[in-house]
Amino acid sequence: MFACGLGTVGAVRFVPRDPWNMRVRSKALFGMGARLGSAWPLSDRWSVHAHAEAIWIVEDALLRRQGDGSETPAPPSWSSPPLAASVGLGVTAVY
């Protein structure tokens, strides 16, 4: 069994008309959380592990679709949820 703290940092801006030109946003994504897991040895070299984690988003990211300027309502947007969770499985080989 294992437990650890984790942090996440990120900043990406996506412009639909120019998708390959990523620019850093002035407001970044920050989060912190915990990971719990377990590892099971299969042999001297191989092991399997599983983990679950939860992250509290301290400062969220906002993705906004830009219109062509003729629209008067606000453009559609998506913001990150305040809590994120994930699970993972892995195989480790030691040489």
PDB file of N, CA and C in Angstrom:
ATOM      1  N   MET A   1       0.848  -1.180   0.000  1.00  0.00           N
ATOM      2  CA  MET A   1       0.000   0.000   0.000  1.00  0.00           C
ATOM      3  C   MET A   1       0.891   1.240   0.000  1.00  0.00           C
ATOM      4  N   PHE A   2       0.403   2.300  -0.631  1.00  0.00           N
ATOM      5  CA  PHE A   2       1.131   3.553  -0.597  1.00  0.00           C
ATOM      6  C   PHE A   2       0.151   4.720  -0.658  1.00  0.00           C
ATOM      7  N   ALA A   3       0.606   5.865  -0.211  1.00  0.00           N
ATOM      8  CA  ALA A   3      -0.167   7.107  -0.260  1.00  0.00           C
ATOM      9  C   ALA A   3       0.815   8.243  -0.499  1.00  0.00           C
ATOM     10  N   CYS A   4       0.382   9.247  -1.244  1.00  0.00           N
ATOM     11  CA  CYS A   4       1.242  10.400  -1.482  1.00  0.00           C
ATOM     12  C   CYS A   4       0.379  11.615  -1.828  1.00  0.00           C
ATOM     13  N   GLY A   5       0.953  12.761  -1.678  1.00  0.00           N
ATOM     14  CA  GLY A   5       0.301  13.991  -2.096  1.00  0.00           C
ATOM     15  C   GLY A   5       0.697  14.297  -3.526  1.00  0.00           C
ATOM     16  N   LEU A   6      -0.124  15.059  -4.228  1.00  0.00           N
ATOM     17  CA  LEU A   6       0.204  15.408  -5.606  1.00  0.00           C
ATOM     18  C   LEU A   6      -0.288  16.806  -5.922  1.00  0.00           C
ATOM     19  N   GLY A   7       0.318  17.378  -6.922  1.00  0.00           N
ATOM     20  CA  GLY A   7      -0.057  18.706  -7.370  1.00  0.00           C
ATOM     21  C   GLY A   7      -0.106  18.743  -8.882  1.00  0.00           C
ATOM     22  N   THR A   8      -0.881  19.651  -9.424  1.00  0.00           N
ATOM     23  CA  THR A   8      -0.991  19.805 -10.865  1.00  0.00           C
ATOM     24  C   THR A   8      -0.969  21.286 -11.209  1.00  0.00           C
ATOM     25  N   VAL A   9      -0.284  21.605 -12.300  1.00  0.00           N
ATOM     26  CA  VAL A   9      -0.174  22.970 -12.779  1.00  0.00           C
ATOM     27  C   VAL A   9      -0.304  22.924 -14.288  1.00  0.00           C
ATOM     28  N   GLY A  10      -1.019  23.864 -14.861  1.00  0.00           N
ATOM     29  CA  GLY A  10      -1.141  23.904 -16.310  1.00  0.00           C
ATOM     30  C   GLY A  10      -1.704  25.213 -16.805  1.00  0.00           C
ATOM     31  N   ALA A  11      -1.450  25.504 -18.061  1.00  0.00           N
ATOM     32  CA  ALA A  11      -1.997  26.691 -18.701  1.00  0.00           C
ATOM     33  C   ALA A  11      -1.955  26.485 -20.204  1.00  0.00           C
ATOM     34  N   VAL A  12      -3.119  26.458 -20.845  1.00  0.00           N
ATOM     35  CA  VAL A  12      -3.191  26.293 -22.290  1.00  0.00           C
ATOM     36  C   VAL A  12      -4.311  27.169 -22.823  1.00  0.00           C
ATOM     37  N   ARG A  13      -4.088  27.782 -23.942  1.00  0.00           N
ATOM     38  CA  ARG A  13      -5.130  28.556 -24.618  1.00  0.00           C
ATOM     39  C   ARG A  13      -5.293  27.964 -26.002  1.00  0.00           C
ATOM     40  N   PHE A  14      -6.512  27.677 -26.388  1.00  0.00           N
ATOM     41  CA  PHE A  14      -6.803  27.052 -27.674  1.00  0.00           C
ATOM     42  C   PHE A  14      -7.648  28.015 -28.500  1.00  0.00           C
ATOM     43  N   VAL A  15      -7.188  28.320 -29.695  1.00  0.00           N
ATOM     44  CA  VAL A  15      -7.919  29.196 -30.605  1.00  0.00           C
ATOM     45  C   VAL A  15      -8.362  28.352 -31.796  1.00  0.00           C
ATOM     46  N   PRO A  16      -9.688  28.213 -32.036  1.00  0.00           N
ATOM     47  CA  PRO A  16     -10.163  27.319 -33.099  1.00  0.00           C
ATOM     48  C   PRO A  16      -9.627  27.655 -34.491  1.00  0.00           C
ATOM     49  N   ARG A  17      -9.442  28.923 -34.795  1.00  0.00           N
ATOM     50  CA  ARG A  17      -8.962  29.290 -36.135  1.00  0.00           C
ATOM     51  C   ARG A  17      -7.487  28.975 -36.333  1.00  0.00           C
ATOM     52  N   ASP A  18      -6.746  28.806 -35.236  1.00  0.00           N
ATOM     53  CA  ASP A  18      -5.311  28.555 -35.290  1.00  0.00           C
ATOM     54  C   ASP A  18      -4.955  27.481 -34.255  1.00  0.00           C
ATOM     55  N   PRO A  19      -5.407  26.222 -34.465  1.00  0.00           N
ATOM     56  CA  PRO A  19      -5.284  25.201 -33.411  1.00  0.00           C
ATOM     57  C   PRO A  19      -3.859  24.800 -33.076  1.00  0.00           C
ATOM     58  N   TRP A  20      -2.908  25.001 -33.948  1.00  0.00           N
ATOM     59  CA  TRP A  20      -1.541  24.569 -33.678  1.00  0.00           C
ATOM     60  C   TRP A  20      -0.725  25.645 -32.979  1.00  0.00           C
ATOM     61  N   ASN A  21      -1.300  26.809 -32.774  1.00  0.00           N
ATOM     62  CA  ASN A  21      -0.596  27.900 -32.111  1.00  0.00           C
ATOM     63  C   ASN A  21      -1.131  28.025 -30.685  1.00  0.00           C
ATOM     64  N   MET A  22      -0.572  27.249 -29.757  1.00  0.00           N
ATOM     65  CA  MET A  22      -0.996  27.294 -28.358  1.00  0.00           C
ATOM     66  C   MET A  22      -0.302  28.454 -27.660  1.00  0.00           C
ATOM     67  N   ARG A  23      -1.067  29.240 -26.931  1.00  0.00           N
ATOM     68  CA  ARG A  23      -0.492  30.352 -26.192  1.00  0.00           C
ATOM     69  C   ARG A  23      -0.785  30.180 -24.711  1.00  0.00           C
ATOM     70  N   VAL A  24       0.137  30.584 -23.893  1.00  0.00           N
ATOM     71  CA  VAL A  24      -0.047  30.490 -22.447  1.00  0.00           C
ATOM     72  C   VAL A  24      -1.072  31.521 -22.007  1.00  0.00           C
ATOM     73  N   ARG A  25      -1.995  31.086 -21.143  1.00  0.00           N
ATOM     74  CA  ARG A  25      -3.012  31.983 -20.606  1.00  0.00           C
ATOM     75  C   ARG A  25      -2.430  32.782 -19.456  1.00  0.00           C
ATOM     76  N   SER A  26      -3.040  33.917 -19.154  1.00  0.00           N
ATOM     77  CA  SER A  26      -2.573  34.703 -18.017  1.00  0.00           C
ATOM     78  C   SER A  26      -3.042  34.088 -16.706  1.00  0.00           C
ATOM     79  N   LYS A  27      -4.057  33.266 -16.747  1.00  0.00           N
ATOM     80  CA  LYS A  27      -4.587  32.611 -15.562  1.00  0.00           C
ATOM     81  C   LYS A  27      -4.377  31.109 -15.716  1.00  0.00           C
ATOM     82  N   ALA A  28      -3.676  30.486 -14.794  1.00  0.00           N
ATOM     83  CA  ALA A  28      -3.292  29.080 -14.916  1.00  0.00           C
ATOM     84  C   ALA A  28      -4.217  28.184 -14.102  1.00  0.00           C
ATOM     85  N   LEU A  29      -4.058  26.881 -14.309  1.00  0.00           N
ATOM     86  CA  LEU A  29      -4.782  25.852 -13.573  1.00  0.00           C
ATOM     87  C   LEU A  29      -3.867  25.333 -12.469  1.00  0.00           C
ATOM     88  N   PHE A  30      -4.340  25.344 -11.215  1.00  0.00           N
ATOM     89  CA  PHE A  30      -3.592  24.810 -10.081  1.00  0.00           C
ATOM     90  C   PHE A  30      -4.482  23.844  -9.318  1.00  0.00           C
ATOM     91  N   GLY A  31      -3.920  22.743  -8.864  1.00  0.00           N
ATOM     92  CA  GLY A  31      -4.685  21.792  -8.065  1.00  0.00           C
ATOM     93  C   GLY A  31      -3.779  21.017  -7.127  1.00  0.00           C
ATOM     94  N   MET A  32      -4.373  20.483  -6.065  1.00  0.00           N
ATOM     95  CA  MET A  32      -3.632  19.633  -5.140  1.00  0.00           C
ATOM     96  C   MET A  32      -4.543  18.524  -4.653  1.00  0.00           C
ATOM     97  N   GLY A  33      -3.945  17.401  -4.288  1.00  0.00           N
ATOM     98  CA  GLY A  33      -4.766  16.279  -3.864  1.00  0.00           C
ATOM     99  C   GLY A  33      -3.942  15.155  -3.269  1.00  0.00           C
ATOM    100  N   ALA A  34      -4.519  13.961  -3.299  1.00  0.00           N
ATOM    101  CA  ALA A  34      -3.890  12.783  -2.707  1.00  0.00           C
ATOM    102  C   ALA A  34      -4.074  11.583  -3.620  1.00  0.00           C
ATOM    103  N   ARG A  35      -3.123  10.655  -3.545  1.00  0.00           N
ATOM    104  CA  ARG A  35      -3.192   9.410  -4.310  1.00  0.00           C
ATOM    105  C   ARG A  35      -3.011   8.250  -3.337  1.00  0.00           C
ATOM    106  N   LEU A  36      -3.877   7.249  -3.455  1.00  0.00           N
ATOM    107  CA  LEU A  36      -3.795   6.021  -2.668  1.00  0.00           C
ATOM    108  C   LEU A  36      -3.687   4.852  -3.629  1.00  0.00           C
ATOM    109  N   GLY A  37      -2.861   3.884  -3.289  1.00  0.00           N
ATOM    110  CA  GLY A  37      -2.712   2.759  -4.194  1.00  0.00           C
ATOM    111  C   GLY A  37      -2.063   1.560  -3.550  1.00  0.00           C
ATOM    112  N   SER A  38      -1.866   0.555  -4.385  1.00  0.00           N
ATOM    113  CA  SER A  38      -1.262  -0.681  -3.931  1.00  0.00           C
ATOM    114  C   SER A  38      -0.491  -1.303  -5.087  1.00  0.00           C
ATOM    115  N   ALA A  39       0.570  -2.030  -4.748  1.00  0.00           N
ATOM    116  CA  ALA A  39       1.369  -2.736  -5.748  1.00  0.00           C
ATOM    117  C   ALA A  39       1.462  -4.212  -5.368  1.00  0.00           C
ATOM    118  N   TRP A  40       1.406  -5.089  -6.373  1.00  0.00           N
ATOM    119  CA  TRP A  40       1.466  -6.532  -6.154  1.00  0.00           C
ATOM    120  C   TRP A  40       2.598  -7.111  -6.995  1.00  0.00           C
ATOM    121  N   PRO A  41       3.589  -7.744  -6.355  1.00  0.00           N
ATOM    122  CA  PRO A  41       4.677  -8.356  -7.125  1.00  0.00           C
ATOM    123  C   PRO A  41       4.201  -9.633  -7.815  1.00  0.00           C
ATOM    124  N   LEU A  42       4.554  -9.770  -9.076  1.00  0.00           N
ATOM    125  CA  LEU A  42       4.242 -10.988  -9.831  1.00  0.00           C
ATOM    126  C   LEU A  42       5.453 -11.907  -9.890  1.00  0.00           C
ATOM    127  N   SER A  43       6.651 -11.309  -9.929  1.00  0.00           N
ATOM    128  CA  SER A  43       7.909 -12.067  -9.942  1.00  0.00           C
ATOM    129  C   SER A  43       8.999 -11.125  -9.442  1.00  0.00           C
ATOM    130  N   ASP A  44      10.254 -11.537  -9.597  1.00  0.00           N
ATOM    131  CA  ASP A  44      11.363 -10.671  -9.187  1.00  0.00           C
ATOM    132  C   ASP A  44      11.433  -9.396 -10.030  1.00  0.00           C
ATOM    133  N   ARG A  45      10.997  -9.461 -11.280  1.00  0.00           N
ATOM    134  CA  ARG A  45      11.099  -8.324 -12.195  1.00  0.00           C
ATOM    135  C   ARG A  45       9.781  -7.599 -12.449  1.00  0.00           C
ATOM    136  N   TRP A  46       8.668  -8.256 -12.351  1.00  0.00           N
ATOM    137  CA  TRP A  46       7.386  -7.686 -12.748  1.00  0.00           C
ATOM    138  C   TRP A  46       6.479  -7.441 -11.543  1.00  0.00           C
ATOM    139  N   SER A  47       5.743  -6.349 -11.615  1.00  0.00           N
ATOM    140  CA  SER A  47       4.725  -6.066 -10.602  1.00  0.00           C
ATOM    141  C   SER A  47       3.570  -5.311 -11.248  1.00  0.00           C
ATOM    142  N   VAL A  48       2.441  -5.355 -10.608  1.00  0.00           N
ATOM    143  CA  VAL A  48       1.231  -4.659 -11.068  1.00  0.00           C
ATOM    144  C   VAL A  48       0.843  -3.686  -9.964  1.00  0.00           C
ATOM    145  N   HIS A  49       0.388  -2.508 -10.363  1.00  0.00           N
ATOM    146  CA  HIS A  49      -0.057  -1.541  -9.361  1.00  0.00           C
ATOM    147  C   HIS A  49      -1.351  -0.870  -9.805  1.00  0.00           C
ATOM    148  N   ALA A  50      -2.103  -0.425  -8.823  1.00  0.00           N
ATOM    149  CA  ALA A  50      -3.361   0.290  -9.070  1.00  0.00           C
ATOM    150  C   ALA A  50      -3.405   1.481  -8.114  1.00  0.00           C
ATOM    151  N   HIS A  51      -4.035   2.565  -8.560  1.00  0.00           N
ATOM    152  CA  HIS A  51      -4.154   3.726  -7.685  1.00  0.00           C
ATOM    153  C   HIS A  51      -5.439   4.487  -7.978  1.00  0.00           C
ATOM    154  N   ALA A  52      -5.864   5.267  -7.015  1.00  0.00           N
ATOM    155  CA  ALA A  52      -6.997   6.190  -7.161  1.00  0.00           C
ATOM    156  C   ALA A  52      -6.537   7.531  -6.603  1.00  0.00           C
ATOM    157  N   GLU A  53      -6.983   8.603  -7.245  1.00  0.00           N
ATOM    158  CA  GLU A  53      -6.576   9.923  -6.774  1.00  0.00           C
ATOM    159  C   GLU A  53      -7.728  10.907  -6.871  1.00  0.00           C
ATOM    160  N   ALA A  54      -7.664  11.906  -6.024  1.00  0.00           N
ATOM    161  CA  ALA A  54      -8.631  13.007  -6.039  1.00  0.00           C
ATOM    162  C   ALA A  54      -7.848  14.305  -5.973  1.00  0.00           C
ATOM    163  N   ILE A  55      -8.223  15.267  -6.800  1.00  0.00           N
ATOM    164  CA  ILE A  55      -7.540  16.551  -6.864  1.00  0.00           C
ATOM    165  C   ILE A  55      -8.558  17.661  -6.679  1.00  0.00           C
ATOM    166  N   TRP A  56      -8.260  18.587  -5.792  1.00  0.00           N
ATOM    167  CA  TRP A  56      -9.073  19.776  -5.601  1.00  0.00           C
ATOM    168  C   TRP A  56      -8.473  20.875  -6.472  1.00  0.00           C
ATOM    169  N   ILE A  57      -9.272  21.415  -7.379  1.00  0.00           N
ATOM    170  CA  ILE A  57      -8.804  22.452  -8.288  1.00  0.00           C
ATOM    171  C   ILE A  57      -8.857  23.787  -7.559  1.00  0.00           C
ATOM    172  N   VAL A  58      -7.695  24.363  -7.281  1.00  0.00           N
ATOM    173  CA  VAL A  58      -7.598  25.617  -6.542  1.00  0.00           C
ATOM    174  C   VAL A  58      -7.928  26.798  -7.447  1.00  0.00           C
ATOM    175  N   GLU A  59      -7.360  26.798  -8.636  1.00  0.00           N
ATOM    176  CA  GLU A  59      -7.614  27.850  -9.618  1.00  0.00           C
ATOM    177  C   GLU A  59      -7.998  27.166 -10.914  1.00  0.00           C
ATOM    178  N   ASP A  60      -9.225  27.387 -11.393  1.00  0.00           N
ATOM    179  CA  ASP A  60      -9.718  26.601 -12.529  1.00  0.00           C
ATOM    180  C   ASP A  60      -9.276  27.165 -13.866  1.00  0.00           C
ATOM    181  N   ALA A  61      -9.414  26.324 -14.882  1.00  0.00           N
ATOM    182  CA  ALA A  61      -9.139  26.713 -16.260  1.00  0.00           C
ATOM    183  C   ALA A  61     -10.458  26.972 -16.953  1.00  0.00           C
ATOM    184  N   LEU A  62     -10.447  27.865 -17.888  1.00  0.00           N
ATOM    185  CA  LEU A  62     -11.652  28.200 -18.638  1.00  0.00           C
ATOM    186  C   LEU A  62     -11.333  28.092 -20.116  1.00  0.00           C
ATOM    187  N   LEU A  63     -12.093  27.270 -20.823  1.00  0.00           N
ATOM    188  CA  LEU A  63     -11.954  27.150 -22.266  1.00  0.00           C
ATOM    189  C   LEU A  63     -13.139  27.863 -22.906  1.00  0.00           C
ATOM    190  N   ARG A  64     -12.856  28.752 -23.813  1.00  0.00           N
ATOM    191  CA  ARG A  64     -13.913  29.545 -24.435  1.00  0.00           C
ATOM    192  C   ARG A  64     -13.775  29.463 -25.942  1.00  0.00           C
ATOM    193  N   ARG A  65     -14.867  29.173 -26.617  1.00  0.00           N
ATOM    194  CA  ARG A  65     -14.865  29.153 -28.073  1.00  0.00           C
ATOM    195  C   ARG A  65     -15.078  30.571 -28.569  1.00  0.00           C
ATOM    196  N   GLN A  66     -14.214  31.029 -29.447  1.00  0.00           N
ATOM    197  CA  GLN A  66     -14.337  32.382 -29.969  1.00  0.00           C
ATOM    198  C   GLN A  66     -15.214  32.373 -31.205  1.00  0.00           C
ATOM    199  N   GLY A  67     -16.090  33.359 -31.283  1.00  0.00           N
ATOM    200  CA  GLY A  67     -16.953  33.492 -32.456  1.00  0.00           C
ATOM    201  C   GLY A  67     -16.307  34.379 -33.494  1.00  0.00           C
ATOM    202  N   ASP A  68     -17.054  34.685 -34.538  1.00  0.00           N
ATOM    203  CA  ASP A  68     -16.510  35.526 -35.608  1.00  0.00           C
ATOM    204  C   ASP A  68     -16.724  37.018 -35.340  1.00  0.00           C
ATOM    205  N   GLY A  69     -17.258  37.365 -34.181  1.00  0.00           N
ATOM    206  CA  GLY A  69     -17.458  38.768 -33.835  1.00  0.00           C
ATOM    207  C   GLY A  69     -18.850  39.277 -34.140  1.00  0.00           C
ATOM    208  N   SER A  70     -19.641  38.535 -34.915  1.00  0.00           N
ATOM    209  CA  SER A  70     -20.982  38.989 -35.255  1.00  0.00           C
ATOM    210  C   SER A  70     -22.011  38.564 -34.214  1.00  0.00           C
ATOM    211  N   GLU A  71     -21.631  37.673 -33.322  1.00  0.00           N
ATOM    212  CA  GLU A  71     -22.558  37.199 -32.295  1.00  0.00           C
ATOM    213  C   GLU A  71     -22.587  38.177 -31.130  1.00  0.00           C
ATOM    214  N   THR A  72     -23.774  38.492 -30.639  1.00  0.00           N
ATOM    215  CA  THR A  72     -23.888  39.361 -29.469  1.00  0.00           C
ATOM    216  C   THR A  72     -23.885  38.585 -28.156  1.00  0.00           C
ATOM    217  N   PRO A  73     -24.456  37.343 -28.078  1.00  0.00           N
ATOM    218  CA  PRO A  73     -24.371  36.621 -26.803  1.00  0.00           C
ATOM    219  C   PRO A  73     -22.938  36.191 -26.509  1.00  0.00           C
ATOM    220  N   ALA A  74     -22.702  35.868 -25.241  1.00  0.00           N
ATOM    221  CA  ALA A  74     -21.369  35.407 -24.834  1.00  0.00           C
ATOM    222  C   ALA A  74     -21.034  34.092 -25.525  1.00  0.00           C
ATOM    223  N   PRO A  75     -19.774  33.890 -25.893  1.00  0.00           N
ATOM    224  CA  PRO A  75     -19.398  32.630 -26.538  1.00  0.00           C
ATOM    225  C   PRO A  75     -19.506  31.462 -25.564  1.00  0.00           C
ATOM    226  N   PRO A  76     -19.799  30.255 -26.073  1.00  0.00           N
ATOM    227  CA  PRO A  76     -19.878  29.087 -25.195  1.00  0.00           C
ATOM    228  C   PRO A  76     -18.542  28.855 -24.488  1.00  0.00           C
ATOM    229  N   SER A  77     -18.605  28.405 -23.249  1.00  0.00           N
ATOM    230  CA  SER A  77     -17.366  28.165 -22.511  1.00  0.00           C
ATOM    231  C   SER A  77     -17.520  26.929 -21.632  1.00  0.00           C
ATOM    232  N   TRP A  78     -16.402  26.374 -21.212  1.00  0.00           N
ATOM    233  CA  TRP A  78     -16.347  25.237 -20.300  1.00  0.00           C
ATOM    234  C   TRP A  78     -15.329  25.558 -19.237  1.00  0.00           C
ATOM    235  N   SER A  79     -15.655  25.342 -17.977  1.00  0.00           N
ATOM    236  CA  SER A  79     -14.670  25.526 -16.915  1.00  0.00           C
ATOM    237  C   SER A  79     -14.484  24.191 -16.190  1.00  0.00           C
ATOM    238  N   SER A  80     -13.308  23.998 -15.632  1.00  0.00           N
ATOM    239  CA  SER A  80     -13.001  22.732 -14.970  1.00  0.00           C
ATOM    240  C   SER A  80     -13.805  22.588 -13.686  1.00  0.00           C
ATOM    241  N   PRO A  81     -14.211  21.363 -13.332  1.00  0.00           N
ATOM    242  CA  PRO A  81     -14.944  21.148 -12.085  1.00  0.00           C
ATOM    243  C   PRO A  81     -14.023  21.378 -10.882  1.00  0.00           C
ATOM    244  N   PRO A  82     -14.580  21.676  -9.707  1.00  0.00           N
ATOM    245  CA  PRO A  82     -13.734  21.948  -8.538  1.00  0.00           C
ATOM    246  C   PRO A  82     -13.045  20.710  -7.968  1.00  0.00           C
ATOM    247  N   LEU A  83     -13.531  19.516  -8.296  1.00  0.00           N
ATOM    248  CA  LEU A  83     -12.931  18.282  -7.807  1.00  0.00           C
ATOM    249  C   LEU A  83     -12.775  17.320  -8.977  1.00  0.00           C
ATOM    250  N   ALA A  84     -11.584  16.757  -9.108  1.00  0.00           N
ATOM    251  CA  ALA A  84     -11.325  15.791 -10.174  1.00  0.00           C
ATOM    252  C   ALA A  84     -10.880  14.477  -9.539  1.00  0.00           C
ATOM    253  N   ALA A  85     -11.269  13.375 -10.135  1.00  0.00           N
ATOM    254  CA  ALA A  85     -10.893  12.051  -9.617  1.00  0.00           C
ATOM    255  C   ALA A  85     -10.472  11.173 -10.782  1.00  0.00           C
ATOM    256  N   SER A  86      -9.560  10.243 -10.502  1.00  0.00           N
ATOM    257  CA  SER A  86      -9.142   9.307 -11.534  1.00  0.00           C
ATOM    258  C   SER A  86      -8.644   8.020 -10.881  1.00  0.00           C
ATOM    259  N   VAL A  87      -8.587   6.973 -11.681  1.00  0.00           N
ATOM    260  CA  VAL A  87      -8.048   5.690 -11.262  1.00  0.00           C
ATOM    261  C   VAL A  87      -7.033   5.251 -12.310  1.00  0.00           C
ATOM    262  N   GLY A  88      -6.095   4.413 -11.907  1.00  0.00           N
ATOM    263  CA  GLY A  88      -5.094   3.953 -12.848  1.00  0.00           C
ATOM    264  C   GLY A  88      -4.601   2.554 -12.535  1.00  0.00           C
ATOM    265  N   LEU A  89      -4.185   1.860 -13.571  1.00  0.00           N
ATOM    266  CA  LEU A  89      -3.592   0.522 -13.464  1.00  0.00           C
ATOM    267  C   LEU A  89      -2.284   0.550 -14.220  1.00  0.00           C
ATOM    268  N   GLY A  90      -1.285  -0.173 -13.730  1.00  0.00           N
ATOM    269  CA  GLY A  90      -0.013  -0.184 -14.417  1.00  0.00           C
ATOM    270  C   GLY A  90       0.760  -1.456 -14.189  1.00  0.00           C
ATOM    271  N   VAL A  91       1.738  -1.662 -15.053  1.00  0.00           N
ATOM    272  CA  VAL A  91       2.647  -2.789 -14.942  1.00  0.00           C
ATOM    273  C   VAL A  91       4.052  -2.209 -14.885  1.00  0.00           C
ATOM    274  N   THR A  92       4.875  -2.700 -13.967  1.00  0.00           N
ATOM    275  CA  THR A  92       6.255  -2.215 -13.825  1.00  0.00           C
ATOM    276  C   THR A  92       7.211  -3.376 -14.043  1.00  0.00           C
ATOM    277  N   ALA A  93       8.238  -3.118 -14.845  1.00  0.00           N
ATOM    278  CA  ALA A  93       9.301  -4.097 -15.062  1.00  0.00           C
ATOM    279  C   ALA A  93      10.614  -3.475 -14.589  1.00  0.00           C
ATOM    280  N   VAL A  94      11.385  -4.218 -13.806  1.00  0.00           N
ATOM    281  CA  VAL A  94      12.658  -3.756 -13.276  1.00  0.00           C
ATOM    282  C   VAL A  94      13.768  -4.542 -13.957  1.00  0.00           C
ATOM    283  N   TYR A  95      14.717  -3.830 -14.546  1.00  0.00           N
ATOM    284  CA  TYR A  95      15.859  -4.485 -15.230  1.00  0.00           C
ATOM    285  C   TYR A  95      17.148  -3.990 -14.646  1.00  0.00           C
TER     286      TYR A  95
END
